[in-house]
Amino acid sequence: MKLVLHILIITIIFPLFASAQEIKDNSKYLFEEFQDAYIYYKDGRVFAVPVNFDLEKGIYVFIDNATKEVNEFTDPDMVVSMHVGDRIFMMSKGKATEVIQAEPKFHVFYTAQKKKAPSGISYGGTSETASVDSYKGLAGKGLISGIQSDNRIVADVSKSYEVRIGRRDRSFYNQRSFVRLFPKNKRDTINTYIEEKKVDFNSSEQVLELYQFATEL
């Protein structure tokens, strides 16, 4: 009897745990929590506020220190950079842009990969993804719901890169697109390096090392 009861409890709890894990993984933000940051403006102003990147909306947002509400930047074109600890981000729309190296240029773009929301999640729900209490009072700014109007949620975050090669800025996201940026007489050497080092294109550090190797050939 005890064994049957034990199995029954596991059967009930495990689906709930799995569901909670899925909702947690499908976060709409780049950072798990808002990060303290210094925001530098072109006119010399500097603000200290908690920031994050809303992957669903494709915009940077911050928590107003006075109201404690989540807001989007009203004058993003005036922002020079955002310093989050020892990381530097640039203002951009549609994707988060991190400056890994200024010279020569090496930037990382973070872009949301979306999927249709599970049928159990809908507007007015109580899940972490479907309802965000801190968004109350922001009607009209497009930040009330954790789910977009097409009922899609963030499934994953992909990385792509922009680098300076010669005098041109070039973009890539995997081995093939990276190798094609270089002359044909260098491609075999670059491919060999990638295979031997087992370069993971989701690792900014490994890709930076690859970029430095390739540009020195």
N, C-alpha and C. Protein backbone atom coordinates (compact mmCIF):
# COMPACT_ATOMS: atom_id res chain seq x y z
N MET A 1 0.83 -1.21 0.00
CA MET A 1 0.00 0.00 0.00
C MET A 1 0.86 1.25 0.00
N LYS A 2 1.94 1.22 0.83
CA LYS A 2 2.83 2.37 0.90
C LYS A 2 3.52 2.59 -0.43
N LEU A 3 3.90 1.46 -1.08
CA LEU A 3 4.57 1.56 -2.38
C LEU A 3 3.65 2.18 -3.42
N VAL A 4 2.40 1.78 -3.43
CA VAL A 4 1.42 2.32 -4.38
C VAL A 4 1.22 3.81 -4.13
N LEU A 5 1.13 4.20 -2.85
CA LEU A 5 0.95 5.61 -2.49
C LEU A 5 2.15 6.43 -2.93
N HIS A 6 3.35 5.86 -2.74
CA HIS A 6 4.58 6.56 -3.11
C HIS A 6 4.62 6.80 -4.62
N ILE A 7 4.28 5.78 -5.40
CA ILE A 7 4.26 5.90 -6.85
C ILE A 7 3.23 6.94 -7.29
N LEU A 8 2.08 6.95 -6.63
CA LEU A 8 1.01 7.90 -6.97
C LEU A 8 1.47 9.33 -6.73
N ILE A 9 2.18 9.56 -5.63
CA ILE A 9 2.67 10.91 -5.31
C ILE A 9 3.66 11.38 -6.37
N ILE A 10 4.60 10.48 -6.76
CA ILE A 10 5.58 10.83 -7.78
C ILE A 10 4.90 11.15 -9.10
N THR A 11 3.87 10.35 -9.43
CA THR A 11 3.13 10.56 -10.68
C THR A 11 2.48 11.92 -10.72
N ILE A 12 2.01 12.39 -9.57
CA ILE A 12 1.33 13.68 -9.51
C ILE A 12 2.32 14.83 -9.51
N ILE A 13 3.40 14.69 -8.75
CA ILE A 13 4.35 15.79 -8.57
C ILE A 13 5.22 16.00 -9.78
N PHE A 14 5.68 14.93 -10.42
CA PHE A 14 6.64 15.07 -11.52
C PHE A 14 6.13 15.92 -12.67
N PRO A 15 4.88 15.74 -13.16
CA PRO A 15 4.39 16.62 -14.24
C PRO A 15 4.37 18.08 -13.82
N LEU A 16 4.01 18.34 -12.56
CA LEU A 16 4.00 19.73 -12.09
C LEU A 16 5.38 20.32 -12.09
N PHE A 17 6.38 19.53 -11.65
CA PHE A 17 7.76 19.99 -11.63
C PHE A 17 8.27 20.24 -13.04
N ALA A 18 7.97 19.30 -13.95
CA ALA A 18 8.41 19.45 -15.34
C ALA A 18 7.81 20.68 -15.98
N SER A 19 6.51 20.93 -15.70
CA SER A 19 5.85 22.11 -16.24
C SER A 19 6.48 23.38 -15.72
N ALA A 20 6.78 23.41 -14.42
CA ALA A 20 7.39 24.60 -13.83
C ALA A 20 8.76 24.86 -14.43
N GLN A 21 9.53 23.78 -14.66
CA GLN A 21 10.85 23.94 -15.25
C GLN A 21 10.75 24.51 -16.66
N GLU A 22 9.77 24.06 -17.44
CA GLU A 22 9.61 24.54 -18.81
C GLU A 22 9.28 26.02 -18.82
N ILE A 23 8.41 26.45 -17.93
CA ILE A 23 8.04 27.86 -17.86
C ILE A 23 9.24 28.70 -17.46
N LYS A 24 10.04 28.21 -16.52
CA LYS A 24 11.21 28.95 -16.08
C LYS A 24 12.21 29.10 -17.20
N ASP A 25 12.43 28.02 -17.98
CA ASP A 25 13.39 28.07 -19.08
C ASP A 25 12.94 29.02 -20.18
N ASN A 26 11.63 29.15 -20.38
CA ASN A 26 11.11 30.01 -21.42
C ASN A 26 10.98 31.44 -20.93
N SER A 27 12.05 31.99 -20.40
CA SER A 27 12.02 33.35 -19.88
C SER A 27 11.95 34.34 -21.02
N LYS A 28 11.24 35.43 -20.80
CA LYS A 28 11.16 36.46 -21.83
C LYS A 28 12.32 37.43 -21.75
N TYR A 29 13.19 37.29 -20.74
CA TYR A 29 14.31 38.21 -20.56
C TYR A 29 15.65 37.54 -20.85
N LEU A 30 16.61 38.35 -21.27
CA LEU A 30 17.96 37.85 -21.51
C LEU A 30 18.63 37.43 -20.20
N PHE A 31 18.49 38.27 -19.16
CA PHE A 31 19.06 37.95 -17.86
C PHE A 31 17.97 37.36 -16.96
N GLU A 32 18.33 36.40 -16.13
CA GLU A 32 17.36 35.81 -15.22
C GLU A 32 16.76 36.85 -14.29
N GLU A 33 17.59 37.82 -13.86
CA GLU A 33 17.13 38.91 -13.02
C GLU A 33 17.62 40.23 -13.60
N PHE A 34 16.91 41.32 -13.31
CA PHE A 34 17.36 42.63 -13.75
C PHE A 34 18.74 42.91 -13.14
N GLN A 35 19.64 43.44 -13.96
CA GLN A 35 21.02 43.68 -13.55
C GLN A 35 21.29 45.17 -13.34
N ASP A 36 21.97 45.49 -12.24
CA ASP A 36 22.36 46.88 -12.00
C ASP A 36 23.30 47.34 -13.10
N ALA A 37 23.02 48.50 -13.66
CA ALA A 37 23.82 48.98 -14.79
C ALA A 37 23.97 50.49 -14.76
N TYR A 38 25.02 50.97 -15.41
CA TYR A 38 25.22 52.39 -15.63
C TYR A 38 24.89 52.69 -17.08
N ILE A 39 23.99 53.63 -17.30
CA ILE A 39 23.56 53.99 -18.64
C ILE A 39 24.23 55.31 -19.02
N TYR A 40 25.05 55.29 -20.07
CA TYR A 40 25.79 56.48 -20.51
C TYR A 40 25.11 57.11 -21.72
N TYR A 41 24.82 58.42 -21.59
CA TYR A 41 24.15 59.16 -22.65
C TYR A 41 25.15 60.04 -23.42
N LYS A 42 24.77 60.38 -24.65
CA LYS A 42 25.63 61.20 -25.50
C LYS A 42 25.88 62.59 -24.93
N ASP A 43 24.92 63.11 -24.14
CA ASP A 43 25.07 64.45 -23.59
C ASP A 43 25.81 64.46 -22.25
N GLY A 44 26.37 63.30 -21.85
CA GLY A 44 27.16 63.24 -20.64
C GLY A 44 26.43 62.73 -19.42
N ARG A 45 25.12 62.58 -19.51
CA ARG A 45 24.36 62.08 -18.37
C ARG A 45 24.66 60.60 -18.12
N VAL A 46 24.62 60.21 -16.86
CA VAL A 46 24.83 58.80 -16.49
C VAL A 46 23.76 58.43 -15.46
N PHE A 47 23.06 57.33 -15.72
CA PHE A 47 22.04 56.86 -14.81
C PHE A 47 22.39 55.47 -14.31
N ALA A 48 22.06 55.20 -13.07
CA ALA A 48 22.25 53.87 -12.49
C ALA A 48 20.88 53.25 -12.27
N VAL A 49 20.54 52.25 -13.06
CA VAL A 49 19.24 51.58 -12.97
C VAL A 49 19.39 50.09 -13.28
N PRO A 50 18.48 49.27 -12.76
CA PRO A 50 18.48 47.85 -13.13
C PRO A 50 17.93 47.69 -14.56
N VAL A 51 18.63 46.95 -15.40
CA VAL A 51 18.20 46.79 -16.79
C VAL A 51 18.07 45.32 -17.16
N ASN A 52 17.39 45.10 -18.27
CA ASN A 52 17.27 43.78 -18.85
C ASN A 52 16.93 43.95 -20.32
N PHE A 53 16.92 42.86 -21.06
CA PHE A 53 16.51 42.92 -22.46
C PHE A 53 15.29 42.04 -22.64
N ASP A 54 14.19 42.65 -23.08
CA ASP A 54 12.95 41.94 -23.31
C ASP A 54 13.05 41.23 -24.66
N LEU A 55 13.24 39.92 -24.63
CA LEU A 55 13.44 39.15 -25.85
C LEU A 55 12.20 39.11 -26.73
N GLU A 56 11.02 39.13 -26.13
CA GLU A 56 9.80 39.08 -26.91
C GLU A 56 9.57 40.38 -27.67
N LYS A 57 9.80 41.50 -27.01
CA LYS A 57 9.60 42.81 -27.63
C LYS A 57 10.82 43.27 -28.42
N GLY A 58 11.98 42.70 -28.12
CA GLY A 58 13.20 43.10 -28.81
C GLY A 58 13.71 44.46 -28.39
N ILE A 59 13.53 44.82 -27.10
CA ILE A 59 13.96 46.13 -26.62
C ILE A 59 14.57 46.01 -25.23
N TYR A 60 15.45 46.96 -24.91
CA TYR A 60 15.97 47.06 -23.55
C TYR A 60 14.93 47.73 -22.66
N VAL A 61 14.84 47.26 -21.43
CA VAL A 61 13.91 47.85 -20.46
C VAL A 61 14.65 48.06 -19.15
N PHE A 62 14.10 48.92 -18.30
CA PHE A 62 14.72 49.20 -17.01
C PHE A 62 13.65 49.35 -15.94
N ILE A 63 14.06 49.21 -14.68
CA ILE A 63 13.16 49.42 -13.56
C ILE A 63 13.36 50.84 -13.05
N ASP A 64 12.31 51.63 -13.10
CA ASP A 64 12.37 53.00 -12.60
C ASP A 64 12.61 52.97 -11.09
N ASN A 65 13.67 53.64 -10.65
CA ASN A 65 14.01 53.62 -9.22
C ASN A 65 12.94 54.26 -8.34
N ALA A 66 12.16 55.18 -8.91
CA ALA A 66 11.14 55.87 -8.13
C ALA A 66 9.84 55.07 -8.05
N THR A 67 9.37 54.59 -9.21
CA THR A 67 8.08 53.91 -9.26
C THR A 67 8.20 52.39 -9.14
N LYS A 68 9.40 51.86 -9.36
CA LYS A 68 9.65 50.42 -9.35
C LYS A 68 8.93 49.70 -10.49
N GLU A 69 8.53 50.45 -11.52
CA GLU A 69 7.85 49.86 -12.67
C GLU A 69 8.85 49.59 -13.79
N VAL A 70 8.51 48.64 -14.65
CA VAL A 70 9.34 48.34 -15.81
C VAL A 70 8.98 49.29 -16.95
N ASN A 71 9.98 49.96 -17.49
CA ASN A 71 9.76 50.91 -18.57
C ASN A 71 10.73 50.66 -19.71
N GLU A 72 10.34 51.10 -20.90
CA GLU A 72 11.28 51.09 -22.02
C GLU A 72 11.93 52.48 -22.10
N PHE A 73 13.07 52.56 -22.76
CA PHE A 73 13.77 53.83 -22.90
C PHE A 73 13.02 54.74 -23.88
N THR A 74 12.79 55.98 -23.45
CA THR A 74 12.06 56.92 -24.31
C THR A 74 12.96 57.58 -25.35
N ASP A 75 14.28 57.62 -25.08
CA ASP A 75 15.20 58.22 -26.04
C ASP A 75 16.39 57.30 -26.27
N PRO A 76 16.16 56.11 -26.81
CA PRO A 76 17.24 55.13 -26.98
C PRO A 76 18.38 55.61 -27.88
N ASP A 77 18.08 56.50 -28.82
CA ASP A 77 19.12 56.99 -29.71
C ASP A 77 20.17 57.82 -28.99
N MET A 78 19.84 58.28 -27.78
CA MET A 78 20.78 59.09 -27.01
C MET A 78 21.72 58.24 -26.16
N VAL A 79 21.44 56.94 -26.05
CA VAL A 79 22.24 56.06 -25.21
C VAL A 79 23.51 55.63 -25.95
N VAL A 80 24.66 55.86 -25.34
CA VAL A 80 25.93 55.44 -25.92
C VAL A 80 26.22 53.99 -25.59
N SER A 81 26.08 53.64 -24.32
CA SER A 81 26.36 52.26 -23.89
C SER A 81 25.75 51.98 -22.54
N MET A 82 25.64 50.71 -22.22
CA MET A 82 25.14 50.25 -20.93
C MET A 82 26.16 49.31 -20.33
N HIS A 83 26.65 49.64 -19.15
CA HIS A 83 27.68 48.84 -18.50
C HIS A 83 27.04 47.99 -17.40
N VAL A 84 27.04 46.68 -17.62
CA VAL A 84 26.46 45.73 -16.68
C VAL A 84 27.62 44.94 -16.07
N GLY A 85 28.07 45.35 -14.89
CA GLY A 85 29.27 44.76 -14.32
C GLY A 85 30.45 45.04 -15.23
N ASP A 86 31.15 43.99 -15.66
CA ASP A 86 32.27 44.18 -16.58
C ASP A 86 31.88 43.94 -18.03
N ARG A 87 30.57 43.86 -18.29
CA ARG A 87 30.07 43.67 -19.65
C ARG A 87 29.51 44.97 -20.19
N ILE A 88 29.65 45.18 -21.50
CA ILE A 88 29.18 46.40 -22.14
C ILE A 88 28.18 46.04 -23.23
N PHE A 89 27.03 46.70 -23.21
CA PHE A 89 26.00 46.50 -24.22
C PHE A 89 25.73 47.82 -24.93
N MET A 90 25.36 47.71 -26.19
CA MET A 90 24.97 48.87 -26.98
C MET A 90 23.48 48.85 -27.21
N MET A 91 22.89 50.04 -27.29
CA MET A 91 21.46 50.13 -27.56
C MET A 91 21.17 49.63 -28.96
N SER A 92 20.22 48.73 -29.08
CA SER A 92 19.81 48.20 -30.37
C SER A 92 18.39 47.68 -30.24
N LYS A 93 17.72 47.54 -31.36
CA LYS A 93 16.34 47.06 -31.34
C LYS A 93 16.25 45.73 -32.09
N GLY A 94 15.47 44.83 -31.54
CA GLY A 94 15.29 43.53 -32.16
C GLY A 94 16.24 42.49 -31.63
N LYS A 95 17.40 42.93 -31.16
CA LYS A 95 18.39 42.01 -30.59
C LYS A 95 19.25 42.76 -29.59
N ALA A 96 19.76 42.04 -28.60
CA ALA A 96 20.69 42.64 -27.64
C ALA A 96 22.09 42.58 -28.24
N THR A 97 22.85 43.66 -28.08
CA THR A 97 24.18 43.74 -28.66
C THR A 97 25.23 43.91 -27.57
N GLU A 98 26.13 42.94 -27.45
CA GLU A 98 27.20 43.01 -26.47
C GLU A 98 28.53 43.28 -27.16
N VAL A 99 29.30 44.21 -26.60
CA VAL A 99 30.62 44.54 -27.13
C VAL A 99 31.65 43.68 -26.40
N ILE A 100 32.16 42.69 -27.09
CA ILE A 100 33.19 41.84 -26.51
C ILE A 100 34.56 42.47 -26.70
N GLN A 101 34.75 43.10 -27.84
CA GLN A 101 36.02 43.74 -28.17
C GLN A 101 35.72 44.93 -29.07
N ALA A 102 36.32 46.08 -28.73
CA ALA A 102 36.08 47.30 -29.52
C ALA A 102 36.95 47.34 -30.76
N GLU A 103 38.23 47.07 -30.61
CA GLU A 103 39.17 47.11 -31.73
C GLU A 103 40.06 45.87 -31.71
N PRO A 104 40.09 45.10 -32.78
CA PRO A 104 39.12 45.16 -33.88
C PRO A 104 37.74 44.72 -33.41
N LYS A 105 36.75 45.20 -34.07
CA LYS A 105 35.36 45.01 -33.64
C LYS A 105 34.98 43.53 -33.52
N PHE A 106 34.34 43.22 -32.38
CA PHE A 106 33.79 41.88 -32.17
C PHE A 106 32.55 42.03 -31.29
N HIS A 107 31.38 41.95 -31.90
CA HIS A 107 30.11 42.11 -31.20
C HIS A 107 29.33 40.80 -31.23
N VAL A 108 28.54 40.57 -30.18
CA VAL A 108 27.66 39.40 -30.11
C VAL A 108 26.22 39.89 -30.10
N PHE A 109 25.39 39.28 -30.95
CA PHE A 109 23.97 39.59 -30.98
C PHE A 109 23.19 38.44 -30.34
N TYR A 110 22.25 38.78 -29.45
CA TYR A 110 21.39 37.79 -28.82
C TYR A 110 19.97 37.99 -29.36
N THR A 111 19.43 36.95 -29.98
CA THR A 111 18.12 37.04 -30.62
C THR A 111 17.21 35.92 -30.13
N ALA A 112 15.96 36.26 -29.89
CA ALA A 112 15.00 35.26 -29.39
C ALA A 112 14.57 34.30 -30.49
N GLN A 113 14.54 33.02 -30.14
CA GLN A 113 13.93 32.00 -30.98
C GLN A 113 12.58 31.67 -30.33
N LYS A 114 11.50 31.84 -31.05
CA LYS A 114 10.17 31.73 -30.46
C LYS A 114 9.42 30.50 -30.94
N LYS A 115 8.45 30.10 -30.12
CA LYS A 115 7.58 29.00 -30.48
C LYS A 115 6.18 29.30 -29.96
N LYS A 116 5.22 28.54 -30.45
CA LYS A 116 3.84 28.72 -30.02
C LYS A 116 3.71 28.35 -28.55
N ALA A 117 3.00 29.18 -27.79
CA ALA A 117 2.82 28.92 -26.37
C ALA A 117 2.00 27.65 -26.16
N PRO A 118 2.31 26.87 -25.11
CA PRO A 118 1.50 25.69 -24.80
C PRO A 118 0.04 26.07 -24.60
N SER A 119 -0.86 25.16 -24.92
CA SER A 119 -2.29 25.46 -24.85
C SER A 119 -2.74 25.82 -23.44
N GLY A 120 -1.98 25.39 -22.43
CA GLY A 120 -2.37 25.67 -21.06
C GLY A 120 -2.04 27.08 -20.61
N ILE A 121 -1.30 27.84 -21.45
CA ILE A 121 -0.92 29.20 -21.09
C ILE A 121 -1.69 30.18 -21.95
N SER A 122 -2.37 31.10 -21.33
CA SER A 122 -3.17 32.07 -22.07
C SER A 122 -3.20 33.39 -21.33
N TYR A 123 -3.77 34.39 -21.95
CA TYR A 123 -3.90 35.68 -21.30
C TYR A 123 -4.71 35.55 -20.03
N GLY A 124 -4.25 36.23 -18.98
CA GLY A 124 -4.97 36.18 -17.72
C GLY A 124 -4.61 34.98 -16.89
N GLY A 125 -3.66 34.16 -17.35
CA GLY A 125 -3.24 32.99 -16.60
C GLY A 125 -2.40 33.37 -15.40
N THR A 126 -1.97 32.36 -14.67
CA THR A 126 -1.22 32.64 -13.45
C THR A 126 0.22 32.17 -13.53
N SER A 127 0.65 31.68 -14.69
CA SER A 127 2.03 31.22 -14.81
C SER A 127 2.98 32.39 -14.84
N GLU A 128 4.27 32.09 -14.62
CA GLU A 128 5.30 33.14 -14.61
C GLU A 128 5.39 33.81 -15.97
N THR A 129 5.19 33.02 -17.04
CA THR A 129 5.31 33.58 -18.39
C THR A 129 4.09 34.42 -18.77
N ALA A 130 2.91 33.98 -18.34
CA ALA A 130 1.69 34.62 -18.80
C ALA A 130 1.30 35.85 -18.00
N SER A 131 1.80 36.04 -16.82
CA SER A 131 1.39 37.17 -16.01
C SER A 131 2.57 37.73 -15.24
N VAL A 132 2.84 39.02 -15.43
CA VAL A 132 3.95 39.67 -14.75
C VAL A 132 3.40 40.84 -13.95
N ASP A 133 3.35 40.68 -12.63
CA ASP A 133 2.72 41.67 -11.77
C ASP A 133 3.37 43.04 -11.87
N SER A 134 4.69 43.09 -12.07
CA SER A 134 5.37 44.38 -12.09
C SER A 134 4.99 45.21 -13.30
N TYR A 135 4.24 44.63 -14.24
CA TYR A 135 3.85 45.37 -15.44
C TYR A 135 2.55 46.15 -15.25
N LYS A 136 1.92 46.06 -14.10
CA LYS A 136 0.66 46.77 -13.87
C LYS A 136 0.87 48.27 -14.04
N GLY A 137 -0.08 48.91 -14.70
CA GLY A 137 -0.01 50.36 -14.85
C GLY A 137 0.76 50.79 -16.08
N LEU A 138 1.24 49.84 -16.90
CA LEU A 138 2.00 50.22 -18.09
C LEU A 138 1.17 50.03 -19.36
N ALA A 139 -0.14 50.07 -19.25
CA ALA A 139 -1.01 49.91 -20.41
C ALA A 139 -0.69 50.97 -21.45
N GLY A 140 -0.69 50.56 -22.71
CA GLY A 140 -0.42 51.50 -23.78
C GLY A 140 1.04 51.49 -24.20
N LYS A 141 1.91 50.87 -23.42
CA LYS A 141 3.32 50.81 -23.77
C LYS A 141 3.72 49.44 -24.31
N GLY A 142 2.75 48.57 -24.44
CA GLY A 142 3.03 47.27 -25.01
C GLY A 142 3.81 46.35 -24.11
N LEU A 143 3.76 46.59 -22.79
CA LEU A 143 4.57 45.79 -21.88
C LEU A 143 3.73 45.09 -20.81
N ILE A 144 2.42 44.97 -21.03
CA ILE A 144 1.57 44.39 -19.99
C ILE A 144 1.67 42.87 -19.93
N SER A 145 1.66 42.21 -21.07
CA SER A 145 1.62 40.76 -21.05
C SER A 145 2.96 40.13 -21.34
N GLY A 146 3.19 38.97 -20.72
CA GLY A 146 4.40 38.22 -20.98
C GLY A 146 4.32 37.44 -22.28
N ILE A 147 3.16 37.44 -22.93
CA ILE A 147 3.00 36.72 -24.19
C ILE A 147 2.57 37.70 -25.27
N GLN A 148 3.17 37.58 -26.45
CA GLN A 148 2.84 38.48 -27.54
C GLN A 148 1.44 38.18 -28.08
N SER A 149 0.94 39.10 -28.92
CA SER A 149 -0.41 38.95 -29.45
C SER A 149 -0.55 37.70 -30.31
N ASP A 150 0.56 37.19 -30.88
CA ASP A 150 0.47 35.97 -31.67
C ASP A 150 0.64 34.72 -30.81
N ASN A 151 0.61 34.93 -29.48
CA ASN A 151 0.65 33.82 -28.51
C ASN A 151 1.90 32.97 -28.67
N ARG A 152 3.04 33.64 -28.84
CA ARG A 152 4.31 32.94 -28.96
C ARG A 152 5.21 33.32 -27.79
N ILE A 153 6.04 32.37 -27.36
CA ILE A 153 6.93 32.61 -26.24
C ILE A 153 8.37 32.32 -26.66
N VAL A 154 9.30 32.76 -25.84
CA VAL A 154 10.72 32.56 -26.12
C VAL A 154 11.09 31.12 -25.81
N ALA A 155 11.59 30.40 -26.81
CA ALA A 155 12.00 29.02 -26.62
C ALA A 155 13.50 28.90 -26.39
N ASP A 156 14.25 29.82 -26.99
CA ASP A 156 15.71 29.76 -26.87
C ASP A 156 16.28 31.10 -27.30
N VAL A 157 17.56 31.28 -27.05
CA VAL A 157 18.25 32.49 -27.47
C VAL A 157 19.42 32.10 -28.35
N SER A 158 19.47 32.64 -29.56
CA SER A 158 20.55 32.32 -30.48
C SER A 158 21.58 33.44 -30.49
N LYS A 159 22.82 33.06 -30.81
CA LYS A 159 23.90 34.04 -30.90
C LYS A 159 24.36 34.17 -32.35
N SER A 160 24.61 35.39 -32.75
CA SER A 160 25.29 35.65 -34.01
C SER A 160 26.34 36.71 -33.73
N TYR A 161 27.22 36.93 -34.69
CA TYR A 161 28.37 37.79 -34.43
C TYR A 161 28.58 38.79 -35.56
N GLU A 162 29.15 39.95 -35.19
CA GLU A 162 29.57 40.93 -36.18
C GLU A 162 31.00 41.33 -35.88
N VAL A 163 31.86 41.23 -36.89
CA VAL A 163 33.28 41.50 -36.71
C VAL A 163 33.78 42.41 -37.82
N ARG A 164 34.96 42.96 -37.60
CA ARG A 164 35.61 43.77 -38.62
C ARG A 164 36.69 42.92 -39.29
N ILE A 165 36.56 42.77 -40.60
CA ILE A 165 37.56 42.07 -41.40
C ILE A 165 38.00 43.02 -42.49
N GLY A 166 39.26 43.44 -42.41
CA GLY A 166 39.73 44.48 -43.31
C GLY A 166 39.07 45.80 -42.97
N ARG A 167 38.35 46.34 -43.91
CA ARG A 167 37.64 47.60 -43.68
C ARG A 167 36.14 47.42 -43.62
N ARG A 168 35.69 46.18 -43.58
CA ARG A 168 34.26 45.91 -43.64
C ARG A 168 33.77 45.19 -42.39
N ASP A 169 32.54 45.47 -42.00
CA ASP A 169 31.87 44.74 -40.92
C ASP A 169 31.16 43.54 -41.54
N ARG A 170 31.43 42.36 -40.98
CA ARG A 170 30.84 41.15 -41.53
C ARG A 170 30.14 40.37 -40.42
N SER A 171 29.06 39.67 -40.78
CA SER A 171 28.28 38.92 -39.80
C SER A 171 28.35 37.42 -40.09
N PHE A 172 28.22 36.61 -39.04
CA PHE A 172 28.20 35.16 -39.19
C PHE A 172 27.54 34.55 -37.96
N TYR A 173 27.20 33.25 -38.06
CA TYR A 173 26.54 32.59 -36.93
C TYR A 173 26.97 31.13 -36.76
N ASN A 174 27.65 30.57 -37.75
CA ASN A 174 28.10 29.18 -37.63
C ASN A 174 29.40 29.00 -38.42
N GLN A 175 29.89 27.77 -38.47
CA GLN A 175 31.17 27.49 -39.11
C GLN A 175 31.16 27.89 -40.58
N ARG A 176 30.15 27.48 -41.29
CA ARG A 176 30.10 27.75 -42.74
C ARG A 176 30.09 29.24 -43.03
N SER A 177 29.24 29.99 -42.31
CA SER A 177 29.14 31.43 -42.58
C SER A 177 30.40 32.17 -42.17
N PHE A 178 31.12 31.64 -41.16
CA PHE A 178 32.37 32.27 -40.75
C PHE A 178 33.47 32.02 -41.78
N VAL A 179 33.64 30.78 -42.19
CA VAL A 179 34.72 30.43 -43.11
C VAL A 179 34.58 31.18 -44.43
N ARG A 180 33.37 31.40 -44.86
CA ARG A 180 33.14 32.08 -46.15
C ARG A 180 33.54 33.55 -46.14
N LEU A 181 33.84 34.09 -44.96
CA LEU A 181 34.27 35.48 -44.88
C LEU A 181 35.72 35.66 -45.34
N PHE A 182 36.45 34.56 -45.48
CA PHE A 182 37.87 34.62 -45.77
C PHE A 182 38.20 34.09 -47.16
N PRO A 183 39.36 34.49 -47.69
CA PRO A 183 39.76 34.00 -49.02
C PRO A 183 39.84 32.49 -49.06
N LYS A 184 39.66 31.91 -50.24
CA LYS A 184 39.63 30.47 -50.40
C LYS A 184 40.92 29.80 -49.96
N ASN A 185 42.05 30.47 -50.12
CA ASN A 185 43.32 29.85 -49.77
C ASN A 185 43.53 29.74 -48.26
N LYS A 186 42.64 30.34 -47.46
CA LYS A 186 42.74 30.26 -46.00
C LYS A 186 41.68 29.34 -45.38
N ARG A 187 40.71 28.96 -46.17
CA ARG A 187 39.54 28.26 -45.62
C ARG A 187 39.86 26.88 -45.08
N ASP A 188 40.73 26.13 -45.74
CA ASP A 188 41.08 24.80 -45.24
C ASP A 188 41.75 24.89 -43.87
N THR A 189 42.64 25.87 -43.71
CA THR A 189 43.34 26.04 -42.44
C THR A 189 42.35 26.41 -41.33
N ILE A 190 41.40 27.26 -41.65
CA ILE A 190 40.40 27.68 -40.67
C ILE A 190 39.49 26.52 -40.29
N ASN A 191 39.07 25.75 -41.29
CA ASN A 191 38.22 24.59 -41.03
C ASN A 191 38.95 23.56 -40.16
N THR A 192 40.25 23.37 -40.42
CA THR A 192 41.03 22.44 -39.62
C THR A 192 41.10 22.90 -38.17
N TYR A 193 41.30 24.20 -37.96
CA TYR A 193 41.34 24.76 -36.60
C TYR A 193 40.01 24.51 -35.89
N ILE A 194 38.92 24.76 -36.57
CA ILE A 194 37.59 24.59 -35.97
C ILE A 194 37.35 23.14 -35.57
N GLU A 195 37.74 22.21 -36.44
CA GLU A 195 37.53 20.80 -36.16
C GLU A 195 38.43 20.32 -35.02
N GLU A 196 39.69 20.73 -35.03
CA GLU A 196 40.62 20.28 -34.00
C GLU A 196 40.28 20.86 -32.63
N LYS A 197 39.87 22.13 -32.61
CA LYS A 197 39.54 22.80 -31.35
C LYS A 197 38.11 22.54 -30.91
N LYS A 198 37.32 21.92 -31.81
CA LYS A 198 35.90 21.66 -31.53
C LYS A 198 35.20 22.95 -31.11
N VAL A 199 35.34 23.97 -31.94
CA VAL A 199 34.80 25.29 -31.63
C VAL A 199 33.28 25.25 -31.52
N ASP A 200 32.77 25.72 -30.41
CA ASP A 200 31.33 25.82 -30.18
C ASP A 200 30.91 27.24 -30.50
N PHE A 201 30.07 27.42 -31.51
CA PHE A 201 29.68 28.76 -31.94
C PHE A 201 28.67 29.41 -30.99
N ASN A 202 28.29 28.70 -29.93
CA ASN A 202 27.50 29.32 -28.86
C ASN A 202 28.39 29.87 -27.76
N SER A 203 29.70 29.64 -27.88
CA SER A 203 30.65 30.15 -26.90
C SER A 203 31.35 31.38 -27.47
N SER A 204 31.04 32.54 -26.92
CA SER A 204 31.66 33.78 -27.40
C SER A 204 33.17 33.75 -27.25
N GLU A 205 33.65 33.15 -26.16
CA GLU A 205 35.09 33.09 -25.92
C GLU A 205 35.80 32.26 -26.99
N GLN A 206 35.24 31.10 -27.32
CA GLN A 206 35.85 30.25 -28.33
C GLN A 206 35.80 30.89 -29.71
N VAL A 207 34.70 31.55 -30.01
CA VAL A 207 34.57 32.20 -31.31
C VAL A 207 35.53 33.38 -31.42
N LEU A 208 35.74 34.11 -30.34
CA LEU A 208 36.71 35.22 -30.34
C LEU A 208 38.11 34.69 -30.63
N GLU A 209 38.49 33.58 -30.00
CA GLU A 209 39.80 32.98 -30.25
C GLU A 209 39.93 32.55 -31.70
N LEU A 210 38.86 31.99 -32.26
CA LEU A 210 38.85 31.58 -33.66
C LEU A 210 39.03 32.81 -34.56
N TYR A 211 38.32 33.86 -34.26
CA TYR A 211 38.40 35.10 -35.05
C TYR A 211 39.82 35.66 -35.02
N GLN A 212 40.43 35.67 -33.85
CA GLN A 212 41.80 36.18 -33.73
C GLN A 212 42.77 35.31 -34.53
N PHE A 213 42.57 33.99 -34.49
CA PHE A 213 43.42 33.08 -35.26
C PHE A 213 43.28 33.34 -36.75
N ALA A 214 42.04 33.42 -37.22
CA ALA A 214 41.79 33.57 -38.65
C ALA A 214 42.29 34.90 -39.22
N THR A 215 42.15 35.96 -38.44
CA THR A 215 42.59 37.28 -38.94
C THR A 215 44.10 37.44 -38.95
N GLU A 216 44.80 36.55 -38.25
CA GLU A 216 46.26 36.62 -38.21
C GLU A 216 46.92 35.74 -39.27
N LEU A 217 46.13 34.99 -40.02
CA LEU A 217 46.69 34.12 -41.07
C LEU A 217 47.29 34.93 -42.20
